[in-house]
PDB file of N, CA and C in Angstrom:
ATOM      1  N   MET A   1     173.022  51.627  81.049  1.00  0.00           N
ATOM      2  CA  MET A   1     173.410  52.353  79.862  1.00  0.00           C
ATOM      3  C   MET A   1     174.672  53.155  80.157  1.00  0.00           C
ATOM      4  N   ARG A   2     175.645  52.976  79.309  1.00  0.00           N
ATOM      5  CA  ARG A   2     176.919  53.650  79.502  1.00  0.00           C
ATOM      6  C   ARG A   2     176.908  54.979  78.744  1.00  0.00           C
ATOM      7  N   MET A   3     177.349  56.074  79.420  1.00  0.00           N
ATOM      8  CA  MET A   3     177.358  57.404  78.798  1.00  0.00           C
ATOM      9  C   MET A   3     178.765  57.746  78.321  1.00  0.00           C
ATOM     10  N   SER A   4     178.825  58.403  77.193  1.00  0.00           N
ATOM     11  CA  SER A   4     180.121  58.818  76.668  1.00  0.00           C
ATOM     12  C   SER A   4     180.629  60.036  77.444  1.00  0.00           C
ATOM     13  N   ARG A   5     181.900  60.362  77.261  1.00  0.00           N
ATOM     14  CA  ARG A   5     182.515  61.512  77.915  1.00  0.00           C
ATOM     15  C   ARG A   5     181.793  62.804  77.522  1.00  0.00           C
ATOM     16  N   ARG A   6     181.383  62.912  76.275  1.00  0.00           N
ATOM     17  CA  ARG A   6     180.689  64.104  75.802  1.00  0.00           C
ATOM     18  C   ARG A   6     179.381  64.295  76.560  1.00  0.00           C
ATOM     19  N   HIS A   7     178.649  63.229  76.806  1.00  0.00           N
ATOM     20  CA  HIS A   7     177.401  63.319  77.555  1.00  0.00           C
ATOM     21  C   HIS A   7     177.645  63.769  78.992  1.00  0.00           C
ATOM     22  N   TRP A   8     178.709  63.265  79.626  1.00  0.00           N
ATOM     23  CA  TRP A   8     179.012  63.669  80.991  1.00  0.00           C
ATOM     24  C   TRP A   8     179.330  65.156  81.050  1.00  0.00           C
ATOM     25  N   LEU A   9     180.085  65.661  80.074  1.00  0.00           N
ATOM     26  CA  LEU A   9     180.401  67.091  80.049  1.00  0.00           C
ATOM     27  C   LEU A   9     179.144  67.920  79.845  1.00  0.00           C
ATOM     28  N   THR A  10     178.245  67.444  79.005  1.00  0.00           N
ATOM     29  CA  THR A  10     177.000  68.174  78.764  1.00  0.00           C
ATOM     30  C   THR A  10     176.196  68.277  80.043  1.00  0.00           C
ATOM     31  N   LEU A  11     176.191  67.231  80.853  1.00  0.00           N
ATOM     32  CA  LEU A  11     175.450  67.262  82.109  1.00  0.00           C
ATOM     33  C   LEU A  11     176.182  68.060  83.183  1.00  0.00           C
ATOM     34  N   ALA A  12     177.504  68.044  83.181  1.00  0.00           N
ATOM     35  CA  ALA A  12     178.291  68.676  84.242  1.00  0.00           C
ATOM     36  C   ALA A  12     178.418  70.189  84.069  1.00  0.00           C
ATOM     37  N   LEU A  13     178.527  70.684  82.866  1.00  0.00           N
ATOM     38  CA  LEU A  13     178.778  72.110  82.660  1.00  0.00           C
ATOM     39  C   LEU A  13     177.700  73.015  83.251  1.00  0.00           C
ATOM     40  N   PRO A  14     176.411  72.750  83.036  1.00  0.00           N
ATOM     41  CA  PRO A  14     175.420  73.634  83.656  1.00  0.00           C
ATOM     42  C   PRO A  14     175.520  73.650  85.174  1.00  0.00           C
ATOM     43  N   THR A  15     175.866  72.527  85.795  1.00  0.00           N
ATOM     44  CA  THR A  15     176.000  72.449  87.236  1.00  0.00           C
ATOM     45  C   THR A  15     177.179  73.277  87.721  1.00  0.00           C
ATOM     46  N   LEU A  16     178.288  73.258  86.982  1.00  0.00           N
ATOM     47  CA  LEU A  16     179.481  74.003  87.371  1.00  0.00           C
ATOM     48  C   LEU A  16     179.277  75.514  87.270  1.00  0.00           C
ATOM     49  N   CYS A  17     178.440  75.962  86.364  1.00  0.00           N
ATOM     50  CA  CYS A  17     178.258  77.390  86.134  1.00  0.00           C
ATOM     51  C   CYS A  17     177.198  78.025  87.022  1.00  0.00           C
ATOM     52  N   VAL A  18     176.416  77.239  87.704  1.00  0.00           N
ATOM     53  CA  VAL A  18     175.369  77.793  88.550  1.00  0.00           C
ATOM     54  C   VAL A  18     175.999  78.537  89.720  1.00  0.00           C
ATOM     55  N   GLY A  19     175.490  79.734  90.006  1.00  0.00           N
ATOM     56  CA  GLY A  19     175.968  80.491  91.149  1.00  0.00           C
ATOM     57  C   GLY A  19     177.209  81.322  90.890  1.00  0.00           C
ATOM     58  N   VAL A  20     177.728  81.334  89.697  1.00  0.00           N
ATOM     59  CA  VAL A  20     178.889  82.158  89.381  1.00  0.00           C
ATOM     60  C   VAL A  20     178.389  83.533  88.975  1.00  0.00           C
ATOM     61  N   PRO A  21     178.671  84.582  89.774  1.00  0.00           N
ATOM     62  CA  PRO A  21     178.158  85.915  89.444  1.00  0.00           C
ATOM     63  C   PRO A  21     178.857  86.505  88.227  1.00  0.00           C
ATOM     64  N   ALA A  22     178.115  87.298  87.470  1.00  0.00           N
ATOM     65  CA  ALA A  22     178.708  87.998  86.328  1.00  0.00           C
ATOM     66  C   ALA A  22     179.611  89.105  86.854  1.00  0.00           C
ATOM     67  N   ARG A  23     180.718  89.324  86.196  1.00  0.00           N
ATOM     68  CA  ARG A  23     181.645  90.365  86.624  1.00  0.00           C
ATOM     69  C   ARG A  23     181.174  91.722  86.132  1.00  0.00           C
ATOM     70  N   ALA A  24     181.291  92.697  86.998  1.00  0.00           N
ATOM     71  CA  ALA A  24     180.904  94.057  86.625  1.00  0.00           C
ATOM     72  C   ALA A  24     181.956  94.654  85.703  1.00  0.00           C
ATOM     73  N   GLN A  25     181.505  95.494  84.798  1.00  0.00           N
ATOM     74  CA  GLN A  25     182.413  96.162  83.876  1.00  0.00           C
ATOM     75  C   GLN A  25     182.853  97.484  84.476  1.00  0.00           C
ATOM     76  N   SER A  26     184.132  97.804  84.368  1.00  0.00           N
ATOM     77  CA  SER A  26     184.675  99.049  84.912  1.00  0.00           C
ATOM     78  C   SER A  26     184.276 100.232  84.057  1.00  0.00           C
ATOM     79  N   PRO A  27     184.038 101.381  84.693  1.00  0.00           N
ATOM     80  CA  PRO A  27     183.700 102.582  83.929  1.00  0.00           C
ATOM     81  C   PRO A  27     184.939 103.159  83.254  1.00  0.00           C
ATOM     82  N   ALA A  28     184.727 103.930  82.208  1.00  0.00           N
ATOM     83  CA  ALA A  28     185.832 104.622  81.541  1.00  0.00           C
ATOM     84  C   ALA A  28     186.430 105.640  82.510  1.00  0.00           C
ATOM     85  N   PRO A  29     187.725 105.915  82.404  1.00  0.00           N
ATOM     86  CA  PRO A  29     188.379 106.844  83.323  1.00  0.00           C
ATOM     87  C   PRO A  29     188.148 108.307  82.926  1.00  0.00           C
ATOM     88  N   LEU A  30     186.900 108.759  83.045  1.00  0.00           N
ATOM     89  CA  LEU A  30     186.573 110.129  82.667  1.00  0.00           C
ATOM     90  C   LEU A  30     187.221 111.115  83.628  1.00  0.00           C
ATOM     91  N   GLY A  31     187.729 112.221  83.089  1.00  0.00           N
ATOM     92  CA  GLY A  31     188.321 113.260  83.921  1.00  0.00           C
ATOM     93  C   GLY A  31     189.730 113.609  83.496  1.00  0.00           C
ATOM     94  N   HIS A  32     190.372 114.373  84.352  1.00  0.00           N
ATOM     95  CA  HIS A  32     191.747 114.831  84.128  1.00  0.00           C
ATOM     96  C   HIS A  32     192.642 114.072  85.093  1.00  0.00           C
ATOM     97  N   TRP A  33     193.600 113.336  84.560  1.00  0.00           N
ATOM     98  CA  TRP A  33     194.499 112.498  85.342  1.00  0.00           C
ATOM     99  C   TRP A  33     195.937 112.977  85.176  1.00  0.00           C
ATOM    100  N   ARG A  34     196.689 113.022  86.264  1.00  0.00           N
ATOM    101  CA  ARG A  34     198.083 113.461  86.233  1.00  0.00           C
ATOM    102  C   ARG A  34     198.953 112.382  86.871  1.00  0.00           C
ATOM    103  N   SER A  35     200.070 112.089  86.197  1.00  0.00           N
ATOM    104  CA  SER A  35     201.006 111.091  86.710  1.00  0.00           C
ATOM    105  C   SER A  35     201.612 111.560  88.025  1.00  0.00           C
ATOM    106  N   ARG A  36     201.858 110.613  88.913  1.00  0.00           N
ATOM    107  CA  ARG A  36     202.516 110.927  90.192  1.00  0.00           C
ATOM    108  C   ARG A  36     204.028 111.019  90.050  1.00  0.00           C
ATOM    109  N   THR A  37     204.589 110.491  88.950  1.00  0.00           N
ATOM    110  CA  THR A  37     206.044 110.431  88.824  1.00  0.00           C
ATOM    111  C   THR A  37     206.612 111.159  87.610  1.00  0.00           C
ATOM    112  N   SER A  38     205.761 111.633  86.697  1.00  0.00           N
ATOM    113  CA  SER A  38     206.251 112.321  85.501  1.00  0.00           C
ATOM    114  C   SER A  38     205.294 113.454  85.138  1.00  0.00           C
ATOM    115  N   ALA A  39     205.559 114.115  84.030  1.00  0.00           N
ATOM    116  CA  ALA A  39     204.710 115.221  83.588  1.00  0.00           C
ATOM    117  C   ALA A  39     203.518 114.748  82.748  1.00  0.00           C
ATOM    118  N   ALA A  40     203.361 113.457  82.580  1.00  0.00           N
ATOM    119  CA  ALA A  40     202.295 112.923  81.735  1.00  0.00           C
ATOM    120  C   ALA A  40     200.920 113.207  82.324  1.00  0.00           C
ATOM    121  N   GLN A  41     199.976 113.482  81.440  1.00  0.00           N
ATOM    122  CA  GLN A  41     198.587 113.700  81.815  1.00  0.00           C
ATOM    123  C   GLN A  41     197.697 112.935  80.849  1.00  0.00           C
ATOM    124  N   LEU A  42     196.545 112.540  81.327  1.00  0.00           N
ATOM    125  CA  LEU A  42     195.545 111.882  80.501  1.00  0.00           C
ATOM    126  C   LEU A  42     194.238 112.604  80.750  1.00  0.00           C
ATOM    127  N   ILE A  43     193.620 113.113  79.682  1.00  0.00           N
ATOM    128  CA  ILE A  43     192.353 113.835  79.802  1.00  0.00           C
ATOM    129  C   ILE A  43     191.323 113.075  78.984  1.00  0.00           C
ATOM    130  N   VAL A  44     190.253 112.661  79.645  1.00  0.00           N
ATOM    131  CA  VAL A  44     189.206 111.885  78.991  1.00  0.00           C
ATOM    132  C   VAL A  44     187.877 112.605  79.222  1.00  0.00           C
ATOM    133  N   HIS A  45     187.261 113.062  78.143  1.00  0.00           N
ATOM    134  CA  HIS A  45     185.993 113.780  78.232  1.00  0.00           C
ATOM    135  C   HIS A  45     184.839 112.869  77.863  1.00  0.00           C
ATOM    136  N   GLN A  46     183.686 113.162  78.397  1.00  0.00           N
ATOM    137  CA  GLN A  46     182.466 112.393  78.143  1.00  0.00           C
ATOM    138  C   GLN A  46     182.085 112.394  76.666  1.00  0.00           C
ATOM    139  N   ASN A  47     182.359 113.507  75.943  1.00  0.00           N
ATOM    140  CA  ASN A  47     181.933 113.629  74.547  1.00  0.00           C
ATOM    141  C   ASN A  47     182.800 112.841  73.575  1.00  0.00           C
ATOM    142  N   GLY A  48     183.768 112.090  74.068  1.00  0.00           N
ATOM    143  CA  GLY A  48     184.571 111.259  73.195  1.00  0.00           C
ATOM    144  C   GLY A  48     185.895 111.865  72.794  1.00  0.00           C
ATOM    145  N   LEU A  49     186.125 113.143  73.122  1.00  0.00           N
ATOM    146  CA  LEU A  49     187.413 113.767  72.802  1.00  0.00           C
ATOM    147  C   LEU A  49     188.374 113.454  73.929  1.00  0.00           C
ATOM    148  N   ARG A  50     189.496 112.872  73.575  1.00  0.00           N
ATOM    149  CA  ARG A  50     190.494 112.500  74.563  1.00  0.00           C
ATOM    150  C   ARG A  50     191.847 113.049  74.143  1.00  0.00           C
ATOM    151  N   ALA A  51     192.677 113.314  75.106  1.00  0.00           N
ATOM    152  CA  ALA A  51     194.024 113.778  74.799  1.00  0.00           C
ATOM    153  C   ALA A  51     195.002 113.158  75.785  1.00  0.00           C
ATOM    154  N   PHE A  52     196.158 112.792  75.316  1.00  0.00           N
ATOM    155  CA  PHE A  52     197.228 112.331  76.179  1.00  0.00           C
ATOM    156  C   PHE A  52     198.345 113.341  76.048  1.00  0.00           C
ATOM    157  N   LEU A  53     198.686 113.960  77.142  1.00  0.00           N
ATOM    158  CA  LEU A  53     199.716 114.986  77.116  1.00  0.00           C
ATOM    159  C   LEU A  53     200.945 114.457  77.829  1.00  0.00           C
ATOM    160  N   GLY A  54     202.040 114.496  77.164  1.00  0.00           N
ATOM    161  CA  GLY A  54     203.285 114.018  77.742  1.00  0.00           C
ATOM    162  C   GLY A  54     204.413 114.579  76.908  1.00  0.00           C
ATOM    163  N   SER A  55     205.410 113.786  76.632  1.00  0.00           N
ATOM    164  CA  SER A  55     206.508 114.259  75.793  1.00  0.00           C
ATOM    165  C   SER A  55     206.044 114.483  74.356  1.00  0.00           C
ATOM    166  N   ARG A  56     205.011 113.766  73.930  1.00  0.00           N
ATOM    167  CA  ARG A  56     204.427 113.938  72.590  1.00  0.00           C
ATOM    168  C   ARG A  56     202.911 114.066  72.726  1.00  0.00           C
ATOM    169  N   PRO A  57     202.405 115.291  72.786  1.00  0.00           N
ATOM    170  CA  PRO A  57     200.948 115.444  72.938  1.00  0.00           C
ATOM    171  C   PRO A  57     200.191 114.842  71.752  1.00  0.00           C
ATOM    172  N   VAL A  58     199.187 114.060  72.056  1.00  0.00           N
ATOM    173  CA  VAL A  58     198.346 113.429  71.046  1.00  0.00           C
ATOM    174  C   VAL A  58     196.899 113.669  71.447  1.00  0.00           C
ATOM    175  N   GLN A  59     196.062 114.000  70.472  1.00  0.00           N
ATOM    176  CA  GLN A  59     194.657 114.241  70.748  1.00  0.00           C
ATOM    177  C   GLN A  59     193.819 113.534  69.701  1.00  0.00           C
ATOM    178  N   GLY A  60     192.703 112.971  70.105  1.00  0.00           N
ATOM    179  CA  GLY A  60     191.823 112.285  69.169  1.00  0.00           C
ATOM    180  C   GLY A  60     190.618 111.710  69.881  1.00  0.00           C
ATOM    181  N   ASN A  61     189.934 110.818  69.215  1.00  0.00           N
ATOM    182  CA  ASN A  61     188.764 110.150  69.782  1.00  0.00           C
ATOM    183  C   ASN A  61     189.170 108.798  70.347  1.00  0.00           C
ATOM    184  N   CYS A  62     188.329 108.268  71.238  1.00  0.00           N
ATOM    185  CA  CYS A  62     188.674 107.014  71.902  1.00  0.00           C
ATOM    186  C   CYS A  62     187.538 106.020  71.917  1.00  0.00           C
ATOM    187  N   THR A  63     187.938 104.792  72.174  1.00  0.00           N
ATOM    188  CA  THR A  63     186.991 103.738  72.505  1.00  0.00           C
ATOM    189  C   THR A  63     187.432 103.151  73.833  1.00  0.00           C
ATOM    190  N   TRP A  64     186.491 102.577  74.564  1.00  0.00           N
ATOM    191  CA  TRP A  64     186.772 101.968  75.871  1.00  0.00           C
ATOM    192  C   TRP A  64     186.308 100.525  75.841  1.00  0.00           C
ATOM    193  N   ASN A  65     187.224  99.606  76.084  1.00  0.00           N
ATOM    194  CA  ASN A  65     186.915  98.181  76.152  1.00  0.00           C
ATOM    195  C   ASN A  65     187.110  97.759  77.610  1.00  0.00           C
ATOM    196  N   ALA A  66     186.015  97.697  78.363  1.00  0.00           N
ATOM    197  CA  ALA A  66     186.070  97.481  79.806  1.00  0.00           C
ATOM    198  C   ALA A  66     186.341  96.037  80.177  1.00  0.00           C
ATOM    199  N   SER A  67     186.953  95.884  81.346  1.00  0.00           N
ATOM    200  CA  SER A  67     187.126  94.581  81.977  1.00  0.00           C
ATOM    201  C   SER A  67     186.630  94.715  83.409  1.00  0.00           C
ATOM    202  N   SER A  68     186.882  93.734  84.251  1.00  0.00           N
ATOM    203  CA  SER A  68     186.379  93.794  85.622  1.00  0.00           C
ATOM    204  C   SER A  68     187.157  94.780  86.488  1.00  0.00           C
ATOM    205  N   ARG A  69     188.436  95.026  86.200  1.00  0.00           N
ATOM    206  CA  ARG A  69     189.258  95.917  87.030  1.00  0.00           C
ATOM    207  C   ARG A  69     189.745  97.159  86.288  1.00  0.00           C
ATOM    208  N   GLY A  70     189.416  97.307  85.029  1.00  0.00           N
ATOM    209  CA  GLY A  70     189.902  98.435  84.237  1.00  0.00           C
ATOM    210  C   GLY A  70     189.478  98.249  82.802  1.00  0.00           C
ATOM    211  N   GLY A  71     190.451  98.337  81.900  1.00  0.00           N
ATOM    212  CA  GLY A  71     190.142  98.126  80.500  1.00  0.00           C
ATOM    213  C   GLY A  71     191.226  98.686  79.596  1.00  0.00           C
ATOM    214  N   ILE A  72     190.909  98.706  78.309  1.00  0.00           N
ATOM    215  CA  ILE A  72     191.824  99.235  77.297  1.00  0.00           C
ATOM    216  C   ILE A  72     191.185 100.483  76.701  1.00  0.00           C
ATOM    217  N   LEU A  73     191.877 101.603  76.844  1.00  0.00           N
ATOM    218  CA  LEU A  73     191.462 102.857  76.234  1.00  0.00           C
ATOM    219  C   LEU A  73     192.249 102.984  74.937  1.00  0.00           C
ATOM    220  N   THR A  74     191.549 103.014  73.817  1.00  0.00           N
ATOM    221  CA  THR A  74     192.202 103.141  72.509  1.00  0.00           C
ATOM    222  C   THR A  74     192.041 104.567  72.026  1.00  0.00           C
ATOM    223  N   LEU A  75     193.143 105.269  71.869  1.00  0.00           N
ATOM    224  CA  LEU A  75     193.159 106.638  71.365  1.00  0.00           C
ATOM    225  C   LEU A  75     193.397 106.581  69.864  1.00  0.00           C
ATOM    226  N   ILE A  76     192.470 107.150  69.092  1.00  0.00           N
ATOM    227  CA  ILE A  76     192.553 107.139  67.630  1.00  0.00           C
ATOM    228  C   ILE A  76     192.794 108.575  67.174  1.00  0.00           C
ATOM    229  N   TYR A  77     193.934 108.815  66.539  1.00  0.00           N
ATOM    230  CA  TYR A  77     194.307 110.169  66.166  1.00  0.00           C
ATOM    231  C   TYR A  77     194.631 110.228  64.669  1.00  0.00           C
ATOM    232  N   PRO A  78     194.471 111.422  64.051  1.00  0.00           N
ATOM    233  CA  PRO A  78     194.685 111.542  62.602  1.00  0.00           C
ATOM    234  C   PRO A  78     196.155 111.394  62.203  1.00  0.00           C
ATOM    235  N   MET A  79     196.371 110.689  61.116  1.00  0.00           N
ATOM    236  CA  MET A  79     197.688 110.525  60.489  1.00  0.00           C
ATOM    237  C   MET A  79     197.489 110.681  58.986  1.00  0.00           C
ATOM    238  N   PRO A  80     198.544 110.936  58.225  1.00  0.00           N
ATOM    239  CA  PRO A  80     198.387 111.180  56.781  1.00  0.00           C
ATOM    240  C   PRO A  80     197.737 110.035  56.000  1.00  0.00           C
ATOM    241  N   LEU A  81     198.130 108.788  56.214  1.00  0.00           N
ATOM    242  CA  LEU A  81     197.602 107.680  55.412  1.00  0.00           C
ATOM    243  C   LEU A  81     196.423 106.969  56.055  1.00  0.00           C
ATOM    244  N   GLU A  82     196.498 106.734  57.345  1.00  0.00           N
ATOM    245  CA  GLU A  82     195.414 106.088  58.070  1.00  0.00           C
ATOM    246  C   GLU A  82     195.508 106.513  59.524  1.00  0.00           C
ATOM    247  N   PRO A  83     194.406 106.414  60.266  1.00  0.00           N
ATOM    248  CA  PRO A  83     194.438 106.850  61.667  1.00  0.00           C
ATOM    249  C   PRO A  83     195.452 106.056  62.488  1.00  0.00           C
ATOM    250  N   GLY A  84     196.126 106.764  63.388  1.00  0.00           N
ATOM    251  CA  GLY A  84     197.026 106.108  64.327  1.00  0.00           C
ATOM    252  C   GLY A  84     196.254 105.661  65.553  1.00  0.00           C
ATOM    253  N   LYS A  85     196.752 104.654  66.235  1.00  0.00           N
ATOM    254  CA  LYS A  85     196.095 104.153  67.440  1.00  0.00           C
ATOM    255  C   LYS A  85     197.125 103.924  68.529  1.00  0.00           C
ATOM    256  N   ILE A  86     196.751 104.346  69.746  1.00  0.00           N
ATOM    257  CA  ILE A  86     197.549 104.065  70.931  1.00  0.00           C
ATOM    258  C   ILE A  86     196.629 103.335  71.901  1.00  0.00           C
ATOM    259  N   TYR A  87     197.105 102.229  72.445  1.00  0.00           N
ATOM    260  CA  TYR A  87     196.322 101.426  73.378  1.00  0.00           C
ATOM    261  C   TYR A  87     196.877 101.633  74.792  1.00  0.00           C
ATOM    262  N   PHE A  88     196.026 102.096  75.698  1.00  0.00           N
ATOM    263  CA  PHE A  88     196.411 102.319  77.084  1.00  0.00           C
ATOM    264  C   PHE A  88     195.794 101.240  77.954  1.00  0.00           C
ATOM    265  N   ASN A  89     196.633 100.488  78.663  1.00  0.00           N
ATOM    266  CA  ASN A  89     196.157  99.479  79.610  1.00  0.00           C
ATOM    267  C   ASN A  89     195.901 100.193  80.931  1.00  0.00           C
ATOM    268  N   ILE A  90     194.625 100.283  81.323  1.00  0.00           N
ATOM    269  CA  ILE A  90     194.238 101.041  82.513  1.00  0.00           C
ATOM    270  C   ILE A  90     193.629 100.103  83.548  1.00  0.00           C
ATOM    271  N   VAL A  91     194.103 100.232  84.800  1.00  0.00           N
ATOM    272  CA  VAL A  91     193.573  99.463  85.920  1.00  0.00           C
ATOM    273  C   VAL A  91     193.162 100.456  87.004  1.00  0.00           C
ATOM    274  N   TRP A  92     191.934 100.321  87.498  1.00  0.00           N
ATOM    275  CA  TRP A  92     191.460 101.168  88.593  1.00  0.00           C
ATOM    276  C   TRP A  92     192.104 100.697  89.889  1.00  0.00           C
ATOM    277  N   VAL A  93     192.746 101.623  90.619  1.00  0.00           N
ATOM    278  CA  VAL A  93     193.311 101.325  91.935  1.00  0.00           C
ATOM    279  C   VAL A  93     192.279 101.671  93.002  1.00  0.00           C
ATOM    280  N   ASP A  94     191.710 102.869  92.903  1.00  0.00           N
ATOM    281  CA  ASP A  94     190.592 103.308  93.732  1.00  0.00           C
ATOM    282  C   ASP A  94     189.859 104.403  92.963  1.00  0.00           C
ATOM    283  N   GLN A  95     188.916 105.098  93.608  1.00  0.00           N
ATOM    284  CA  GLN A  95     188.098 106.099  92.917  1.00  0.00           C
ATOM    285  C   GLN A  95     188.922 107.247  92.347  1.00  0.00           C
ATOM    286  N   ALA A  96     190.066 107.559  92.962  1.00  0.00           N
ATOM    287  CA  ALA A  96     190.867 108.715  92.556  1.00  0.00           C
ATOM    288  C   ALA A  96     192.201 108.342  91.931  1.00  0.00           C
ATOM    289  N   THR A  97     192.444 107.053  91.712  1.00  0.00           N
ATOM    290  CA  THR A  97     193.743 106.605  91.193  1.00  0.00           C
ATOM    291  C   THR A  97     193.558 105.519  90.147  1.00  0.00           C
ATOM    292  N   ILE A  98     194.289 105.662  89.033  1.00  0.00           N
ATOM    293  CA  ILE A  98     194.347 104.618  88.018  1.00  0.00           C
ATOM    294  C   ILE A  98     195.811 104.300  87.743  1.00  0.00           C
ATOM    295  N   SER A  99     196.039 103.130  87.214  1.00  0.00           N
ATOM    296  CA  SER A  99     197.370 102.725  86.782  1.00  0.00           C
ATOM    297  C   SER A  99     197.338 102.635  85.257  1.00  0.00           C
ATOM    298  N   VAL A 100     198.261 103.343  84.603  1.00  0.00           N
ATOM    299  CA  VAL A 100     198.377 103.307  83.146  1.00  0.00           C
ATOM    300  C   VAL A 100     199.736 102.669  82.851  1.00  0.00           C
ATOM    301  N   PHE A 101     199.729 101.450  82.345  1.00  0.00           N
ATOM    302  CA  PHE A 101     200.955 100.683  82.113  1.00  0.00           C
ATOM    303  C   PHE A 101     201.802 100.604  83.384  1.00  0.00           C
ATOM    304  N   GLY A 102     201.163 100.531  84.546  1.00  0.00           N
ATOM    305  CA  GLY A 102     201.879 100.406  85.821  1.00  0.00           C
ATOM    306  C   GLY A 102     202.242 101.730  86.456  1.00  0.00           C
ATOM    307  N   GLU A 103     202.066 102.846  85.766  1.00  0.00           N
ATOM    308  CA  GLU A 103     202.366 104.164  86.334  1.00  0.00           C
ATOM    309  C   GLU A 103     201.086 104.728  86.962  1.00  0.00           C
ATOM    310  N   LEU A 104     201.185 105.201  88.207  1.00  0.00           N
ATOM    311  CA  LEU A 104     200.006 105.691  88.906  1.00  0.00           C
ATOM    312  C   LEU A 104     199.648 107.106  88.471  1.00  0.00           C
ATOM    313  N   PHE A 105     198.355 107.320  88.207  1.00  0.00           N
ATOM    314  CA  PHE A 105     197.805 108.624  87.844  1.00  0.00           C
ATOM    315  C   PHE A 105     196.731 108.980  88.860  1.00  0.00           C
ATOM    316  N   SER A 106     196.708 110.251  89.288  1.00  0.00           N
ATOM    317  CA  SER A 106     195.703 110.724  90.233  1.00  0.00           C
ATOM    318  C   SER A 106     194.725 111.651  89.524  1.00  0.00           C
ATOM    319  N   ARG A 107     193.470 111.586  89.967  1.00  0.00           N
ATOM    320  CA  ARG A 107     192.436 112.462  89.411  1.00  0.00           C
ATOM    321  C   ARG A 107     192.716 113.891  89.871  1.00  0.00           C
ATOM    322  N   GLN A 108     192.593 114.836  88.969  1.00  0.00           N
ATOM    323  CA  GLN A 108     192.807 116.266  89.278  1.00  0.00           C
ATOM    324  C   GLN A 108     191.502 116.967  89.466  1.00  0.00           C
TER     325      GLN A 108
END
């Protein structure tokens, strides 16, 4: 009996996926973070209030979309017509250091 390509894929996929560990999700960068090269700061509180202090201080609530090495921190702040959003690409370097758009921040 000859099997079609679709049947071979159906049989092969479960075999290929066996033993592949699930990736752990990174925790949100809670705490007070200060840039190593500029005056920028990132403050993330457990209660959901977050603030980014830099040349234009912005404060609001956030969401965290984790990945295996970091995630996207979305800062949602009030604006006249609709809420504004800033997306921060965060990568954990170690327990005391994160990278925000490639700029290193240290935990304070």
